[in-house]
């Protein structure tokens, strides 16, 4: 692979990695709020013992769980991009 192509792919990879890290940062902020809200709804459900409060708590927990799954997906993507970056750097050092 030509040096120019390797550098281009490394640049694209670095941009993708920065984007994923920014997304992870935003997800972490959202997750803090959503998890606190879910805990608050669960506490209300325990105190009030009403079906509506239990349903609200369940919905809030589902939302927090979905956001956690999305966070795990983004973390996995970051690991894949880092692995690809390592491979590109190895190729670059091997062809130098």
C-alpha atoms as a PDB file:
ATOM      1  CA  UNK A   1       0.000   0.000   0.000  1.00  0.00           C
ATOM      2  CA  UNK A   2       1.400   3.407  -0.902  1.00  0.00           C
ATOM      3  CA  UNK A   3       2.520   5.789   1.802  1.00  0.00           C
ATOM      4  CA  UNK A   4       0.033   8.397   0.596  1.00  0.00           C
ATOM      5  CA  UNK A   5      -2.868   5.958   0.914  1.00  0.00           C
ATOM      6  CA  UNK A   6      -1.730   4.854   4.366  1.00  0.00           C
ATOM      7  CA  UNK A   7      -1.515   8.466   5.535  1.00  0.00           C
ATOM      8  CA  UNK A   8      -4.963   9.194   4.126  1.00  0.00           C
ATOM      9  CA  UNK A   9      -6.487   6.195   5.862  1.00  0.00           C
ATOM     10  CA  UNK A  10      -4.742   7.106   9.113  1.00  0.00           C
ATOM     11  CA  UNK A  11      -6.156  10.614   8.860  1.00  0.00           C
ATOM     12  CA  UNK A  12      -9.674   9.284   8.233  1.00  0.00           C
ATOM     13  CA  UNK A  13      -9.240   6.839  11.087  1.00  0.00           C
ATOM     14  CA  UNK A  14      -8.115   9.600  13.448  1.00  0.00           C
ATOM     15  CA  UNK A  15     -11.166  11.687  12.518  1.00  0.00           C
ATOM     16  CA  UNK A  16     -13.476   8.736  13.119  1.00  0.00           C
ATOM     17  CA  UNK A  17     -11.817   8.035  16.457  1.00  0.00           C
ATOM     18  CA  UNK A  18     -12.214  11.654  17.573  1.00  0.00           C
ATOM     19  CA  UNK A  19     -15.869  11.582  16.543  1.00  0.00           C
ATOM     20  CA  UNK A  20     -16.518   8.366  18.458  1.00  0.00           C
ATOM     21  CA  UNK A  21     -14.788   9.706  21.559  1.00  0.00           C
ATOM     22  CA  UNK A  22     -16.915  12.862  21.423  1.00  0.00           C
ATOM     23  CA  UNK A  23     -20.035  10.718  21.068  1.00  0.00           C
ATOM     24  CA  UNK A  24     -18.936   8.622  24.054  1.00  0.00           C
ATOM     25  CA  UNK A  25     -18.480  11.769  26.116  1.00  0.00           C
ATOM     26  CA  UNK A  26     -22.000  12.920  25.261  1.00  0.00           C
ATOM     27  CA  UNK A  27     -23.441   9.492  26.026  1.00  0.00           C
ATOM     28  CA  UNK A  28     -21.713   9.475  29.415  1.00  0.00           C
ATOM     29  CA  UNK A  29     -23.279  12.832  30.274  1.00  0.00           C
ATOM     30  CA  UNK A  30     -26.715  11.642  29.157  1.00  0.00           C
ATOM     31  CA  UNK A  31     -26.337   8.352  30.976  1.00  0.00           C
ATOM     32  CA  UNK A  32     -25.657  10.130  34.252  1.00  0.00           C
ATOM     33  CA  UNK A  33     -28.908  12.058  33.949  1.00  0.00           C
ATOM     34  CA  UNK A  34     -30.983   9.137  32.669  1.00  0.00           C
ATOM     35  CA  UNK A  35     -29.675   6.720  35.317  1.00  0.00           C
ATOM     36  CA  UNK A  36     -30.435   9.255  38.067  1.00  0.00           C
ATOM     37  CA  UNK A  37     -33.916   9.709  36.652  1.00  0.00           C
ATOM     38  CA  UNK A  38     -34.455   5.940  36.549  1.00  0.00           C
ATOM     39  CA  UNK A  39     -33.324   5.604  40.164  1.00  0.00           C
ATOM     40  CA  UNK A  40     -35.678   8.428  41.141  1.00  0.00           C
ATOM     41  CA  UNK A  41     -38.602   6.725  39.384  1.00  0.00           C
ATOM     42  CA  UNK A  42     -37.769   3.415  41.061  1.00  0.00           C
ATOM     43  CA  UNK A  43     -37.783   5.089  44.465  1.00  0.00           C
ATOM     44  CA  UNK A  44     -41.119   6.747  43.709  1.00  0.00           C
ATOM     45  CA  UNK A  45     -42.537   3.389  42.650  1.00  0.00           C
ATOM     46  CA  UNK A  46     -41.445   1.810  45.927  1.00  0.00           C
ATOM     47  CA  UNK A  47     -42.912   4.620  47.996  1.00  0.00           C
ATOM     48  CA  UNK A  48     -46.196   5.087  46.142  1.00  0.00           C
ATOM     49  CA  UNK A  49     -46.828   1.419  45.274  1.00  0.00           C
ATOM     50  CA  UNK A  50     -49.061   2.394  42.341  1.00  0.00           C
ATOM     51  CA  UNK A  51     -49.163   0.707  38.942  1.00  0.00           C
ATOM     52  CA  UNK A  52     -48.510   4.013  37.185  1.00  0.00           C
ATOM     53  CA  UNK A  53     -45.367   4.672  39.211  1.00  0.00           C
ATOM     54  CA  UNK A  54     -44.166   1.124  38.570  1.00  0.00           C
ATOM     55  CA  UNK A  55     -44.743   1.539  34.851  1.00  0.00           C
ATOM     56  CA  UNK A  56     -42.873   4.857  34.830  1.00  0.00           C
ATOM     57  CA  UNK A  57     -39.979   3.249  36.688  1.00  0.00           C
ATOM     58  CA  UNK A  58     -39.873   0.382  34.202  1.00  0.00           C
ATOM     59  CA  UNK A  59     -39.868   2.756  31.240  1.00  0.00           C
ATOM     60  CA  UNK A  60     -37.110   4.881  32.770  1.00  0.00           C
ATOM     61  CA  UNK A  61     -35.026   1.754  33.439  1.00  0.00           C
ATOM     62  CA  UNK A  62     -35.538   0.536  29.845  1.00  0.00           C
ATOM     63  CA  UNK A  63     -34.351   3.897  28.550  1.00  0.00           C
ATOM     64  CA  UNK A  64     -31.257   3.795  30.781  1.00  0.00           C
ATOM     65  CA  UNK A  65     -30.526   0.216  29.694  1.00  0.00           C
ATOM     66  CA  UNK A  66     -30.850   1.156  26.009  1.00  0.00           C
ATOM     67  CA  UNK A  67     -28.451   4.049  26.493  1.00  0.00           C
ATOM     68  CA  UNK A  68     -26.005   1.719  28.248  1.00  0.00           C
ATOM     69  CA  UNK A  69     -26.176  -0.715  25.315  1.00  0.00           C
ATOM     70  CA  UNK A  70     -25.494   2.166  22.926  1.00  0.00           C
ATOM     71  CA  UNK A  71     -22.507   3.186  25.067  1.00  0.00           C
ATOM     72  CA  UNK A  72     -21.147  -0.366  24.882  1.00  0.00           C
ATOM     73  CA  UNK A  73     -21.583  -0.321  21.090  1.00  0.00           C
ATOM     74  CA  UNK A  74     -19.642   2.948  20.815  1.00  0.00           C
ATOM     75  CA  UNK A  75     -16.886   1.547  23.055  1.00  0.00           C
ATOM     76  CA  UNK A  76     -16.678  -1.496  20.805  1.00  0.00           C
ATOM     77  CA  UNK A  77     -16.440   0.756  17.746  1.00  0.00           C
ATOM     78  CA  UNK A  78     -13.635   2.732  19.380  1.00  0.00           C
ATOM     79  CA  UNK A  79     -11.716  -0.481  20.025  1.00  0.00           C
ATOM     80  CA  UNK A  80     -12.172  -1.557  16.395  1.00  0.00           C
ATOM     81  CA  UNK A  81     -10.971   1.805  15.079  1.00  0.00           C
ATOM     82  CA  UNK A  82      -7.964   1.734  17.412  1.00  0.00           C
ATOM     83  CA  UNK A  83      -7.137  -1.781  16.204  1.00  0.00           C
ATOM     84  CA  UNK A  84      -7.374  -0.627  12.590  1.00  0.00           C
ATOM     85  CA  UNK A  85      -5.153   2.355  13.402  1.00  0.00           C
ATOM     86  CA  UNK A  86      -2.555   0.031  14.926  1.00  0.00           C
ATOM     87  CA  UNK A  87      -2.660  -2.133  11.790  1.00  0.00           C
ATOM     88  CA  UNK A  88      -2.192   0.909   9.559  1.00  0.00           C
ATOM     89  CA  UNK A  89       0.716   2.142  11.669  1.00  0.00           C
ATOM     90  CA  UNK A  90       2.302  -1.315  11.510  1.00  0.00           C
ATOM     91  CA  UNK A  91       1.902  -1.277   7.725  1.00  0.00           C
ATOM     92  CA  UNK A  92       3.436   2.170   7.565  1.00  0.00           C
ATOM     93  CA  UNK A  93       6.439   1.204   9.689  1.00  0.00           C
ATOM     94  CA  UNK A  94       6.874  -1.987   7.675  1.00  0.00           C
ATOM     95  CA  UNK A  95       6.897  -0.146   4.366  1.00  0.00           C
ATOM     96  CA  UNK A  96       9.220   2.654   5.534  1.00  0.00           C
END
